[in-house]
N, C-alpha and C. Protein backbone atom coordinates (compact mmCIF):
# COMPACT_ATOMS: atom_id res chain seq x y z
N UNK A 1 122.73 134.77 -65.24
CA UNK A 1 123.14 134.06 -63.73
C UNK A 1 122.20 134.21 -62.55
N UNK A 2 121.31 135.02 -62.49
CA UNK A 2 119.69 135.20 -62.03
C UNK A 2 119.07 133.71 -62.07
N UNK A 3 118.98 133.49 -63.22
CA UNK A 3 118.10 132.63 -63.52
C UNK A 3 118.71 131.29 -63.07
N UNK A 4 120.33 130.98 -62.88
CA UNK A 4 120.99 129.70 -62.54
C UNK A 4 120.54 130.21 -60.76
N UNK A 5 120.71 131.11 -60.29
CA UNK A 5 120.87 131.24 -58.79
C UNK A 5 119.00 130.76 -58.38
N UNK A 6 118.24 131.10 -59.09
CA UNK A 6 116.88 130.56 -59.34
C UNK A 6 116.58 129.38 -59.15
N UNK A 7 117.31 128.46 -60.24
CA UNK A 7 116.92 127.72 -60.56
C UNK A 7 117.74 126.60 -59.41
N UNK A 8 118.61 126.98 -58.81
CA UNK A 8 119.34 126.39 -57.12
C UNK A 8 118.44 126.62 -56.53
N UNK A 9 117.91 127.61 -56.08
CA UNK A 9 117.36 127.71 -54.88
C UNK A 9 115.97 127.51 -54.51
N UNK A 10 115.24 126.87 -55.79
CA UNK A 10 114.38 126.49 -56.19
C UNK A 10 114.53 124.56 -55.88
N UNK A 11 115.88 124.03 -55.95
CA UNK A 11 116.58 122.26 -55.74
C UNK A 11 116.30 122.77 -54.77
N UNK A 12 116.99 123.74 -53.65
CA UNK A 12 117.55 123.60 -52.56
C UNK A 12 116.14 123.77 -51.88
N UNK A 13 115.25 124.30 -51.86
CA UNK A 13 113.94 124.49 -51.45
C UNK A 13 113.21 123.14 -51.10
N UNK A 14 113.05 122.59 -52.63
CA UNK A 14 112.25 121.28 -53.40
C UNK A 14 112.88 120.02 -52.16
N UNK A 15 114.20 120.02 -52.25
CA UNK A 15 115.09 118.92 -51.16
C UNK A 15 114.13 119.20 -49.71
N UNK A 16 114.55 120.45 -49.04
CA UNK A 16 114.62 121.05 -48.00
C UNK A 16 113.23 120.77 -47.46
N UNK A 17 111.93 120.86 -48.44
CA UNK A 17 110.51 120.84 -48.21
C UNK A 17 110.20 119.05 -48.05
N UNK A 18 111.20 118.43 -48.93
CA UNK A 18 110.72 116.85 -49.09
C UNK A 18 111.47 115.96 -47.59
N UNK A 19 112.91 116.55 -47.31
CA UNK A 19 113.08 116.02 -45.89
C UNK A 19 112.20 116.42 -45.05
N UNK A 20 111.34 117.46 -44.76
CA UNK A 20 110.84 118.00 -43.50
C UNK A 20 109.15 117.23 -43.88
N UNK A 21 109.44 116.83 -45.12
CA UNK A 21 107.78 115.64 -45.20
C UNK A 21 106.97 116.58 -46.14
N UNK A 22 107.55 117.51 -46.40
CA UNK A 22 106.50 118.32 -47.50
C UNK A 22 104.91 118.32 -46.99
N UNK A 23 105.10 118.91 -46.07
CA UNK A 23 103.94 119.69 -45.49
C UNK A 23 103.14 120.68 -46.30
N UNK A 24 101.86 121.19 -46.19
CA UNK A 24 101.01 121.96 -46.66
C UNK A 24 101.64 123.00 -46.27
N UNK A 25 102.34 123.40 -45.37
CA UNK A 25 102.29 124.97 -44.79
C UNK A 25 103.81 125.42 -45.19
N UNK A 26 104.83 124.29 -45.24
CA UNK A 26 106.13 124.65 -45.90
C UNK A 26 106.41 124.81 -47.31
N UNK A 27 105.34 124.44 -48.06
CA UNK A 27 105.44 124.52 -49.96
C UNK A 27 105.19 126.46 -49.87
N UNK A 28 104.06 126.94 -49.32
CA UNK A 28 103.64 128.61 -49.49
C UNK A 28 104.80 129.35 -49.69
N UNK A 29 105.71 129.26 -48.04
CA UNK A 29 106.49 129.33 -47.66
C UNK A 29 107.52 129.88 -48.26
N UNK A 30 108.32 128.14 -48.56
CA UNK A 30 109.18 128.20 -50.10
C UNK A 30 109.06 128.81 -50.94
N UNK A 31 107.46 128.63 -51.93
CA UNK A 31 107.55 129.61 -52.72
C UNK A 31 107.61 131.76 -52.29
N UNK A 32 106.96 131.44 -51.14
CA UNK A 32 107.31 132.58 -51.02
C UNK A 32 108.57 133.89 -50.91
N UNK A 33 109.63 132.70 -50.35
CA UNK A 33 110.71 133.11 -49.91
C UNK A 33 111.60 132.62 -51.78
N UNK A 34 111.11 131.92 -52.93
CA UNK A 34 111.84 131.80 -54.04
C UNK A 34 111.19 133.62 -54.25
N UNK A 35 109.57 133.87 -54.39
CA UNK A 35 109.97 135.25 -55.04
C UNK A 35 110.81 136.44 -54.46
N UNK A 36 110.40 136.44 -53.39
CA UNK A 36 111.59 137.18 -52.49
C UNK A 36 112.40 137.55 -53.52
N UNK A 37 113.42 135.81 -53.76
CA UNK A 37 114.88 136.21 -53.89
C UNK A 37 114.94 136.38 -55.51
N UNK A 38 113.78 136.16 -56.24
CA UNK A 38 113.52 136.46 -57.75
C UNK A 38 113.52 137.91 -57.67
N UNK A 39 112.37 138.89 -56.86
CA UNK A 39 112.53 140.48 -56.84
C UNK A 39 113.78 140.85 -56.50
N UNK A 40 114.37 140.51 -55.56
CA UNK A 40 115.91 140.67 -55.13
C UNK A 40 116.93 140.89 -56.34
N UNK A 41 117.01 139.63 -57.14
CA UNK A 41 117.61 139.42 -57.97
C UNK A 41 117.21 140.38 -59.76
N UNK A 42 116.47 140.64 -59.56
CA UNK A 42 115.75 141.03 -60.62
C UNK A 42 116.81 142.43 -60.66
N UNK A 43 117.04 143.09 -61.76
CA UNK A 43 118.36 144.16 -62.30
C UNK A 43 117.56 145.21 -61.96
N UNK A 44 116.03 145.48 -62.24
CA UNK A 44 115.35 146.61 -62.47
C UNK A 44 114.30 146.60 -61.18
N UNK A 45 114.88 145.99 -59.94
CA UNK A 45 114.05 146.14 -58.72
C UNK A 45 114.04 147.63 -58.41
N UNK A 46 112.74 147.85 -58.27
CA UNK A 46 112.49 149.38 -57.44
C UNK A 46 112.22 149.54 -55.80
N UNK A 47 112.15 150.43 -55.40
CA UNK A 47 111.84 150.48 -54.22
C UNK A 47 110.56 150.25 -53.38
N UNK A 48 109.61 150.47 -54.17
CA UNK A 48 108.49 149.58 -54.08
C UNK A 48 108.14 147.95 -53.94
N UNK A 49 109.25 147.31 -54.34
CA UNK A 49 108.97 146.26 -54.37
C UNK A 49 110.22 145.76 -53.43
N UNK A 50 111.28 146.66 -52.51
CA UNK A 50 111.58 146.30 -51.70
C UNK A 50 110.74 146.38 -50.40
N UNK A 51 110.05 147.50 -50.36
CA UNK A 51 109.24 147.59 -49.55
C UNK A 51 108.37 146.21 -48.99
N UNK A 52 107.63 145.84 -50.67
CA UNK A 52 106.84 144.71 -50.55
C UNK A 52 107.54 143.33 -49.57
N UNK A 53 109.04 143.55 -50.19
CA UNK A 53 110.00 142.32 -49.32
C UNK A 53 109.92 142.31 -47.82
N UNK A 54 110.34 143.77 -47.63
CA UNK A 54 110.43 143.46 -46.30
C UNK A 54 109.21 143.89 -45.38
N UNK A 55 108.22 143.98 -46.11
CA UNK A 55 106.51 143.84 -45.27
C UNK A 55 106.25 142.43 -45.07
N UNK A 56 106.64 141.86 -46.12
CA UNK A 56 106.58 140.06 -45.98
C UNK A 56 107.08 139.62 -45.19
N UNK A 57 108.62 139.80 -44.92
CA UNK A 57 109.08 139.15 -44.10
C UNK A 57 108.77 139.70 -42.80
N UNK A 58 108.50 140.91 -42.40
CA UNK A 58 107.96 140.94 -41.28
C UNK A 58 106.60 140.77 -40.68
N UNK A 59 105.88 140.24 -41.52
CA UNK A 59 104.50 139.62 -41.37
C UNK A 59 104.59 138.37 -41.71
N UNK A 60 105.76 137.72 -41.93
CA UNK A 60 106.03 136.02 -41.76
C UNK A 60 105.49 135.49 -40.19
N UNK A 61 104.85 134.61 -40.68
CA UNK A 61 104.80 133.84 -38.82
C UNK A 61 105.73 133.55 -38.10
N UNK A 62 106.43 132.80 -38.61
CA UNK A 62 107.86 132.34 -38.28
C UNK A 62 108.98 133.01 -37.76
N UNK A 63 108.63 134.56 -38.22
CA UNK A 63 109.52 135.37 -37.13
C UNK A 63 108.91 135.68 -36.12
N UNK A 64 107.51 135.63 -35.85
CA UNK A 64 106.53 136.02 -34.51
C UNK A 64 106.55 135.14 -33.47
N UNK A 65 107.65 133.89 -33.89
CA UNK A 65 107.61 133.08 -32.80
C UNK A 65 108.63 133.65 -31.24
N UNK A 66 107.63 133.16 -30.17
CA UNK A 66 108.40 133.61 -28.75
C UNK A 66 109.82 133.15 -28.68
N UNK A 67 110.39 133.57 -27.99
CA UNK A 67 111.94 132.52 -27.70
C UNK A 67 111.09 131.77 -26.51
N UNK A 68 111.81 130.52 -25.82
CA UNK A 68 111.80 129.89 -25.17
C UNK A 68 111.73 130.21 -23.56
N UNK A 69 111.13 129.79 -22.92
CA UNK A 69 111.26 130.30 -21.36
C UNK A 69 112.27 129.39 -21.07
N UNK A 70 113.16 129.81 -19.79
CA UNK A 70 114.08 129.36 -19.38
C UNK A 70 112.95 128.50 -18.06
N UNK A 71 113.07 127.35 -17.67
CA UNK A 71 112.39 126.28 -16.98
C UNK A 71 112.16 126.54 -15.22
N UNK A 72 113.32 127.27 -14.60
CA UNK A 72 113.26 127.54 -13.57
C UNK A 72 114.29 129.03 -13.17
N UNK A 73 114.13 129.68 -12.08
CA UNK A 73 114.57 130.87 -11.58
C UNK A 73 116.44 130.12 -11.32
N UNK A 74 116.28 128.94 -10.78
CA UNK A 74 117.58 128.44 -11.07
C UNK A 74 118.74 129.03 -12.19
N UNK A 75 117.97 128.39 -13.15
CA UNK A 75 118.50 127.98 -14.55
C UNK A 75 119.09 130.05 -14.96
N UNK A 76 118.23 131.27 -14.64
CA UNK A 76 118.31 132.11 -14.97
C UNK A 76 118.97 132.77 -13.95
N UNK A 77 119.27 131.98 -12.98
CA UNK A 77 120.78 132.52 -12.15
C UNK A 77 122.09 132.16 -13.14
N UNK A 78 122.10 130.84 -13.33
CA UNK A 78 123.04 130.02 -13.50
C UNK A 78 123.31 130.86 -14.69
N UNK A 79 123.00 131.24 -15.68
CA UNK A 79 123.03 132.29 -16.99
C UNK A 79 123.63 133.18 -16.58
N UNK A 80 122.75 134.44 -15.87
CA UNK A 80 123.36 135.26 -15.54
C UNK A 80 124.58 135.65 -14.87
N UNK A 81 125.49 134.52 -14.24
CA UNK A 81 126.02 134.13 -13.30
C UNK A 81 127.70 133.87 -14.47
N UNK A 82 127.11 133.20 -15.48
CA UNK A 82 128.13 132.97 -16.49
C UNK A 82 128.34 133.94 -17.45
N UNK A 83 127.47 134.88 -17.54
CA UNK A 83 127.67 136.21 -18.26
C UNK A 83 128.65 136.98 -17.40
N UNK A 84 128.19 137.13 -16.38
CA UNK A 84 129.28 137.95 -15.40
C UNK A 84 130.47 137.47 -15.68
N UNK A 85 130.89 136.36 -15.54
CA UNK A 85 132.24 135.93 -15.56
C UNK A 85 132.86 136.11 -17.16
N UNK A 86 131.93 136.00 -18.15
CA UNK A 86 132.85 136.33 -19.50
C UNK A 86 132.96 137.81 -19.70
N UNK A 87 132.20 138.66 -19.11
CA UNK A 87 132.24 140.05 -19.32
C UNK A 87 133.56 140.60 -18.08
N UNK A 88 133.64 139.41 -17.37
CA UNK A 88 135.02 140.37 -16.13
C UNK A 88 136.14 139.87 -16.90
N UNK A 89 136.07 138.46 -17.73
CA UNK A 89 137.80 138.04 -18.27
C UNK A 89 137.87 138.39 -19.67
N UNK A 90 138.34 138.98 -19.75
CA UNK A 90 139.29 139.88 -21.21
C UNK A 90 138.57 141.39 -21.39
N UNK A 91 138.93 142.03 -20.26
CA UNK A 91 138.38 143.56 -20.24
C UNK A 91 139.79 144.15 -20.82
N UNK A 92 139.31 145.27 -21.21
CA UNK A 92 140.69 146.50 -21.84
C UNK A 92 140.36 147.55 -21.02
N UNK A 93 141.39 148.27 -21.20
CA UNK A 93 141.94 149.42 -20.83
C UNK A 93 141.41 150.92 -21.52
N UNK A 94 140.75 151.50 -20.60
CA UNK A 94 140.01 152.81 -21.57
C UNK A 94 139.56 154.38 -20.22
N UNK A 95 140.67 155.18 -20.34
CA UNK A 95 141.40 154.95 -21.72
C UNK A 95 143.21 153.93 -21.19
N UNK A 96 144.40 154.14 -21.90
CA UNK A 96 144.90 153.56 -21.96
C UNK A 96 146.07 154.51 -21.31
N UNK A 97 146.94 154.04 -20.33
CA UNK A 97 147.66 154.64 -19.61
C UNK A 97 149.46 154.36 -19.78
N UNK A 98 149.98 154.91 -20.14
CA UNK A 98 151.81 154.32 -19.82
C UNK A 98 152.52 154.87 -18.88
N UNK A 99 153.05 154.38 -18.06
CA UNK A 99 153.63 155.36 -16.68
C UNK A 99 155.17 154.46 -16.29
N UNK A 100 155.42 155.49 -15.62
CA UNK A 100 156.86 155.04 -14.91
C UNK A 100 157.03 153.95 -14.08
N UNK A 101 157.77 153.18 -13.66
CA UNK A 101 157.77 152.31 -12.53
C UNK A 101 157.09 152.15 -10.94
N UNK A 102 157.03 153.38 -10.93
CA UNK A 102 156.18 153.89 -9.55
C UNK A 102 154.43 153.86 -10.06
N UNK A 103 153.98 154.09 -11.00
CA UNK A 103 152.64 153.88 -11.25
C UNK A 103 152.09 152.22 -11.22
N UNK A 104 150.93 152.24 -10.45
CA UNK A 104 150.38 150.93 -10.57
C UNK A 104 150.31 150.85 -11.99
N UNK A 105 150.23 149.14 -12.00
CA UNK A 105 149.99 148.88 -13.35
C UNK A 105 148.77 147.65 -13.46
N UNK A 106 148.33 147.57 -14.80
CA UNK A 106 146.66 146.52 -14.42
C UNK A 106 145.88 147.23 -15.67
N UNK A 107 144.57 147.20 -15.39
CA UNK A 107 143.41 147.90 -16.30
C UNK A 107 143.40 149.67 -15.55
N UNK A 108 143.27 150.00 -16.32
CA UNK A 108 142.98 151.29 -16.67
C UNK A 108 141.46 151.94 -16.92
N UNK A 109 141.26 152.99 -15.98
CA UNK A 109 140.05 153.39 -16.18
C UNK A 109 140.28 154.92 -16.15
N UNK A 110 139.16 155.76 -16.20
CA UNK A 110 139.72 157.25 -15.75
C UNK A 110 139.22 157.13 -14.04
N UNK A 111 138.73 156.24 -13.49
CA UNK A 111 138.32 156.60 -12.11
C UNK A 111 139.99 155.89 -11.81
N UNK A 112 140.06 154.46 -12.03
CA UNK A 112 141.54 154.13 -11.37
C UNK A 112 142.24 153.99 -12.53
N UNK A 113 143.26 155.01 -12.62
CA UNK A 113 144.15 155.42 -13.51
C UNK A 113 145.71 154.19 -13.50
N UNK A 114 145.78 153.35 -13.85
CA UNK A 114 146.75 152.53 -13.86
C UNK A 114 147.76 152.49 -15.52
N UNK A 115 148.89 152.02 -15.47
CA UNK A 115 149.89 151.87 -16.40
C UNK A 115 149.12 150.66 -17.30
N UNK A 116 148.87 150.45 -18.51
CA UNK A 116 148.66 148.78 -18.87
C UNK A 116 150.07 148.34 -19.25
N UNK A 117 150.03 146.86 -18.79
CA UNK A 117 150.91 145.99 -18.91
C UNK A 117 150.72 145.14 -20.17
N UNK A 118 149.48 145.51 -20.97
CA UNK A 118 149.42 144.43 -21.78
C UNK A 118 149.41 144.99 -23.05
N UNK A 119 150.02 145.65 -23.46
CA UNK A 119 149.95 146.71 -24.53
C UNK A 119 150.30 145.50 -25.84
N UNK A 120 149.94 146.12 -26.92
CA UNK A 120 150.00 145.71 -28.54
C UNK A 120 150.16 146.31 -29.57
N UNK A 121 150.96 146.37 -30.36
CA UNK A 121 151.41 147.06 -31.37
C UNK A 121 150.56 146.76 -32.37
N UNK A 122 149.53 147.64 -32.97
CA UNK A 122 148.85 147.23 -33.94
C UNK A 122 149.93 147.15 -35.73
N UNK A 123 150.67 148.16 -35.40
CA UNK A 123 151.93 148.69 -36.85
C UNK A 123 152.69 146.94 -37.11
N UNK A 124 153.38 146.74 -35.94
CA UNK A 124 154.41 145.79 -36.37
C UNK A 124 153.26 144.23 -35.87
N UNK A 125 152.55 144.27 -35.17
CA UNK A 125 151.94 143.03 -34.58
C UNK A 125 152.94 142.67 -33.34
N UNK A 126 153.56 142.84 -32.06
CA UNK A 126 154.16 142.82 -31.70
C UNK A 126 153.88 143.09 -29.85
N UNK A 127 153.81 142.28 -29.27
CA UNK A 127 153.37 142.37 -27.76
C UNK A 127 154.57 143.87 -27.78
N UNK A 128 153.94 145.14 -26.98
CA UNK A 128 155.23 145.77 -25.90
C UNK A 128 155.77 145.52 -25.02
N UNK A 129 156.90 145.12 -25.14
CA UNK A 129 157.99 145.26 -23.98
C UNK A 129 158.24 146.38 -22.57
N UNK A 130 158.03 146.28 -21.71
CA UNK A 130 157.97 146.98 -20.59
C UNK A 130 159.20 146.53 -19.26
N UNK A 131 160.52 147.39 -19.42
CA UNK A 131 161.19 147.25 -18.36
C UNK A 131 161.56 148.45 -17.63
N UNK A 132 161.45 148.08 -15.81
CA UNK A 132 160.69 148.94 -14.99
C UNK A 132 162.44 149.10 -14.37
N UNK A 133 162.61 151.07 -14.58
CA UNK A 133 163.52 151.60 -13.91
C UNK A 133 164.86 151.46 -15.13
N UNK A 134 164.35 151.73 -15.97
CA UNK A 134 165.05 151.82 -17.38
C UNK A 134 164.95 153.24 -18.17
N UNK A 135 165.68 153.49 -19.09
CA UNK A 135 165.24 154.62 -20.12
C UNK A 135 165.93 154.07 -21.79
N UNK A 136 165.51 154.07 -22.71
CA UNK A 136 166.28 154.34 -23.93
C UNK A 136 167.13 155.26 -23.66
N UNK A 137 168.48 154.74 -24.74
CA UNK A 137 169.28 155.81 -25.02
C UNK A 137 168.97 156.47 -26.17
N UNK A 138 169.48 157.87 -26.39
CA UNK A 138 169.27 158.45 -27.22
C UNK A 138 169.43 158.43 -28.73
N UNK A 139 170.42 156.81 -28.93
CA UNK A 139 171.08 156.80 -30.20
C UNK A 139 170.14 155.74 -30.64
N UNK A 140 168.95 155.23 -30.08
CA UNK A 140 168.00 154.17 -30.20
C UNK A 140 167.26 154.24 -31.66
N UNK A 141 167.37 153.38 -32.29
CA UNK A 141 166.67 153.63 -33.86
C UNK A 141 166.02 152.64 -34.14
N UNK A 142 165.26 152.69 -35.19
CA UNK A 142 164.31 151.28 -35.85
C UNK A 142 165.06 150.40 -35.96
N UNK A 143 166.05 150.10 -36.74
CA UNK A 143 166.64 149.18 -37.26
C UNK A 143 167.32 148.05 -35.86
N UNK A 144 167.84 149.13 -34.75
CA UNK A 144 168.18 148.51 -33.52
C UNK A 144 166.72 147.47 -32.87
N UNK A 145 165.84 148.33 -32.90
CA UNK A 145 164.59 147.18 -32.06
C UNK A 145 164.01 146.25 -33.40
N UNK A 146 164.21 146.73 -34.29
CA UNK A 146 163.74 145.77 -35.53
C UNK A 146 164.82 144.36 -35.56
N UNK A 147 165.83 144.72 -35.05
CA UNK A 147 166.78 143.24 -35.27
C UNK A 147 166.90 142.85 -33.90
N UNK A 148 166.55 143.51 -32.59
CA UNK A 148 167.33 143.22 -30.93
C UNK A 148 165.58 142.18 -30.20
N UNK A 149 164.19 143.21 -30.68
CA UNK A 149 163.59 142.52 -30.03
C UNK A 149 163.04 141.21 -29.70
N UNK A 150 162.63 140.38 -29.49
CA UNK A 150 162.58 140.52 -27.79
C UNK A 150 163.54 140.56 -26.46
N UNK A 151 165.03 140.33 -27.73
CA UNK A 151 166.00 139.68 -27.05
C UNK A 151 166.31 140.80 -25.69
N UNK A 152 166.49 140.37 -24.40
CA UNK A 152 166.67 141.17 -23.16
C UNK A 152 168.67 141.80 -23.34
N UNK A 153 168.87 140.61 -23.74
CA UNK A 153 170.53 140.13 -23.70
C UNK A 153 171.39 141.65 -24.65
N UNK A 154 170.16 141.80 -25.78
CA UNK A 154 170.81 142.44 -27.13
C UNK A 154 170.00 143.96 -26.61
N UNK A 155 169.13 144.05 -26.22
CA UNK A 155 168.73 145.35 -25.91
C UNK A 155 168.98 145.76 -24.66
N UNK A 156 169.74 144.86 -23.58
CA UNK A 156 170.15 145.95 -22.72
C UNK A 156 171.77 146.77 -22.74
N UNK A 157 172.36 147.06 -24.29
CA UNK A 157 173.33 148.02 -24.37
C UNK A 157 173.25 148.85 -24.76
N UNK A 158 171.29 149.80 -24.92
CA UNK A 158 171.18 150.58 -25.10
C UNK A 158 169.94 151.38 -23.96
N UNK A 159 170.10 150.50 -22.93
CA UNK A 159 169.02 150.51 -21.61
C UNK A 159 170.10 151.63 -20.68
N UNK A 160 169.57 152.61 -20.30
CA UNK A 160 170.16 153.48 -18.76
C UNK A 160 169.54 153.13 -18.02
N UNK A 161 170.28 152.87 -16.59
CA UNK A 161 169.18 152.98 -15.07
C UNK A 161 168.65 154.04 -15.14
N UNK A 162 167.28 154.15 -14.78
CA UNK A 162 166.90 155.10 -14.17
C UNK A 162 165.62 155.11 -13.05
N UNK A 163 165.57 155.53 -11.89
CA UNK A 163 164.99 154.40 -10.81
C UNK A 163 163.64 155.71 -10.78
N UNK A 164 162.41 154.77 -11.20
CA UNK A 164 161.25 155.60 -11.16
C UNK A 164 160.52 155.43 -12.99
N UNK A 165 161.34 155.42 -14.13
CA UNK A 165 161.07 155.47 -15.23
C UNK A 165 160.57 154.08 -15.80
N UNK A 166 160.29 153.82 -16.54
CA UNK A 166 159.83 152.29 -17.39
C UNK A 166 159.98 152.69 -19.28
N UNK A 167 160.93 151.85 -19.29
CA UNK A 167 160.94 152.15 -20.92
C UNK A 167 160.02 150.73 -21.55
N UNK A 168 159.82 151.15 -22.49
CA UNK A 168 158.64 150.64 -23.69
C UNK A 168 159.33 150.49 -25.04
N UNK A 169 159.02 148.92 -25.33
CA UNK A 169 159.44 149.02 -26.40
C UNK A 169 158.51 147.93 -27.65
N UNK A 170 158.38 148.31 -28.98
CA UNK A 170 157.66 146.89 -29.77
C UNK A 170 159.00 146.93 -30.89
N UNK A 171 158.68 146.69 -31.70
CA UNK A 171 159.43 146.16 -32.56
C UNK A 171 159.75 147.51 -33.81
N UNK A 172 159.08 148.55 -33.85
CA UNK A 172 159.07 149.28 -34.47
C UNK A 172 158.84 150.88 -33.48
N UNK A 173 158.69 151.09 -32.57
CA UNK A 173 158.23 152.09 -31.71
C UNK A 173 158.73 151.64 -30.56
N UNK A 174 159.39 153.05 -29.51
CA UNK A 174 159.76 153.19 -28.43
C UNK A 174 159.30 154.41 -27.37
N UNK A 175 159.58 154.13 -26.17
CA UNK A 175 159.23 155.41 -25.58
C UNK A 175 159.57 154.93 -24.24
N UNK A 176 160.21 155.67 -23.24
CA UNK A 176 161.10 156.13 -22.18
C UNK A 176 159.67 157.17 -21.30
N UNK A 177 159.16 156.49 -19.81
CA UNK A 177 157.85 157.38 -19.33
C UNK A 177 158.37 157.40 -17.93
N UNK A 178 158.18 158.46 -17.34
CA UNK A 178 158.71 159.05 -16.29
C UNK A 178 157.43 158.85 -15.25
N UNK A 179 156.30 159.45 -15.62
CA UNK A 179 154.86 159.76 -14.87
C UNK A 179 154.00 159.22 -15.80
N UNK A 180 152.54 159.17 -15.24
CA UNK A 180 151.74 158.73 -15.81
C UNK A 180 150.87 159.04 -16.97
N UNK A 181 150.81 158.91 -18.03
CA UNK A 181 150.95 159.67 -19.66
C UNK A 181 149.41 158.57 -20.15
N UNK A 182 148.32 159.62 -20.48
CA UNK A 182 147.36 159.26 -21.52
C UNK A 182 148.09 158.70 -23.01
N UNK A 183 148.17 157.31 -23.32
CA UNK A 183 148.80 157.01 -24.64
C UNK A 183 148.12 158.11 -25.84
N UNK A 184 146.67 158.74 -25.63
CA UNK A 184 146.11 159.33 -26.60
C UNK A 184 147.19 160.52 -26.92
N UNK A 185 147.56 161.16 -25.96
CA UNK A 185 148.46 162.19 -26.00
C UNK A 185 149.48 161.63 -27.16
N UNK A 186 150.52 160.41 -26.89
CA UNK A 186 151.36 159.62 -27.44
C UNK A 186 150.75 159.59 -29.10
N UNK A 187 150.50 160.38 -29.94
CA UNK A 187 150.00 159.81 -31.40
C UNK A 187 150.21 159.30 -32.44
N UNK A 188 151.70 159.26 -32.46
CA UNK A 188 152.32 158.76 -33.28
C UNK A 188 152.76 156.93 -32.83
N UNK A 189 152.13 156.46 -31.45
CA UNK A 189 152.37 155.56 -31.25
C UNK A 189 151.24 154.41 -31.42
N UNK A 190 151.39 153.45 -32.35
CA UNK A 190 150.29 152.50 -32.41
C UNK A 190 149.55 151.22 -31.28
N UNK A 191 149.96 152.06 -30.49
CA UNK A 191 149.94 150.72 -29.40
C UNK A 191 148.19 150.65 -28.60
N UNK A 192 147.68 149.23 -28.59
CA UNK A 192 146.64 149.49 -27.97
C UNK A 192 146.17 148.07 -26.87
N UNK A 193 145.81 148.28 -26.08
CA UNK A 193 145.62 147.15 -24.88
C UNK A 193 145.13 145.99 -25.58
N UNK A 194 145.56 145.30 -25.04
CA UNK A 194 145.52 143.73 -25.56
C UNK A 194 144.83 142.89 -24.73
N UNK A 195 143.78 142.88 -24.01
CA UNK A 195 143.19 142.37 -23.01
C UNK A 195 143.73 142.09 -22.14
N UNK A 196 143.26 142.01 -20.63
CA UNK A 196 144.06 141.36 -19.44
C UNK A 196 143.08 140.48 -18.86
N UNK A 197 144.37 139.42 -18.09
CA UNK A 197 143.76 138.40 -18.30
C UNK A 197 142.24 138.36 -17.08
N UNK A 198 142.58 138.96 -16.02
CA UNK A 198 141.29 139.02 -15.07
C UNK A 198 141.59 140.44 -14.15
């Protein structure tokens, strides 16, 4: 199989060099790559062979090219602005908090403790629904949520009104929360922050 792979690599190198015009500098580099591939593919390659290959790659002049510089300062400012926009969009809570209806919702951090409203379950791959001023009845079970999520009209049968509380549920787990709680304390829940819009 190694011989077939070597032949295939040689053919690709020949065609690639032929398209580039077959310049004198291209052929030695292709031969060097072919030799490195053969050494890597051989069954009895030793550590010294691998060190030689790494040295060849590090000393190869095609890897030492400097990246192109931006033409003006305005272009670099635009690139910086775009990266900031990308970073701001799609943030996740760290740590993730659950909270009652009186707790503020949004992106939770150690400084700004907010209940996450973008939870997703990694066990059932459902978005976690939350209902303000409700708790779940004690008779709730797995099959109830499996069969009725996310239809609110069916879920209301086991919801009890309670001011300041919040009922959370996905298809496989549910929780009633009164005050701000770190999700890490709820080890059995497999909920994560599913990224906030802005």
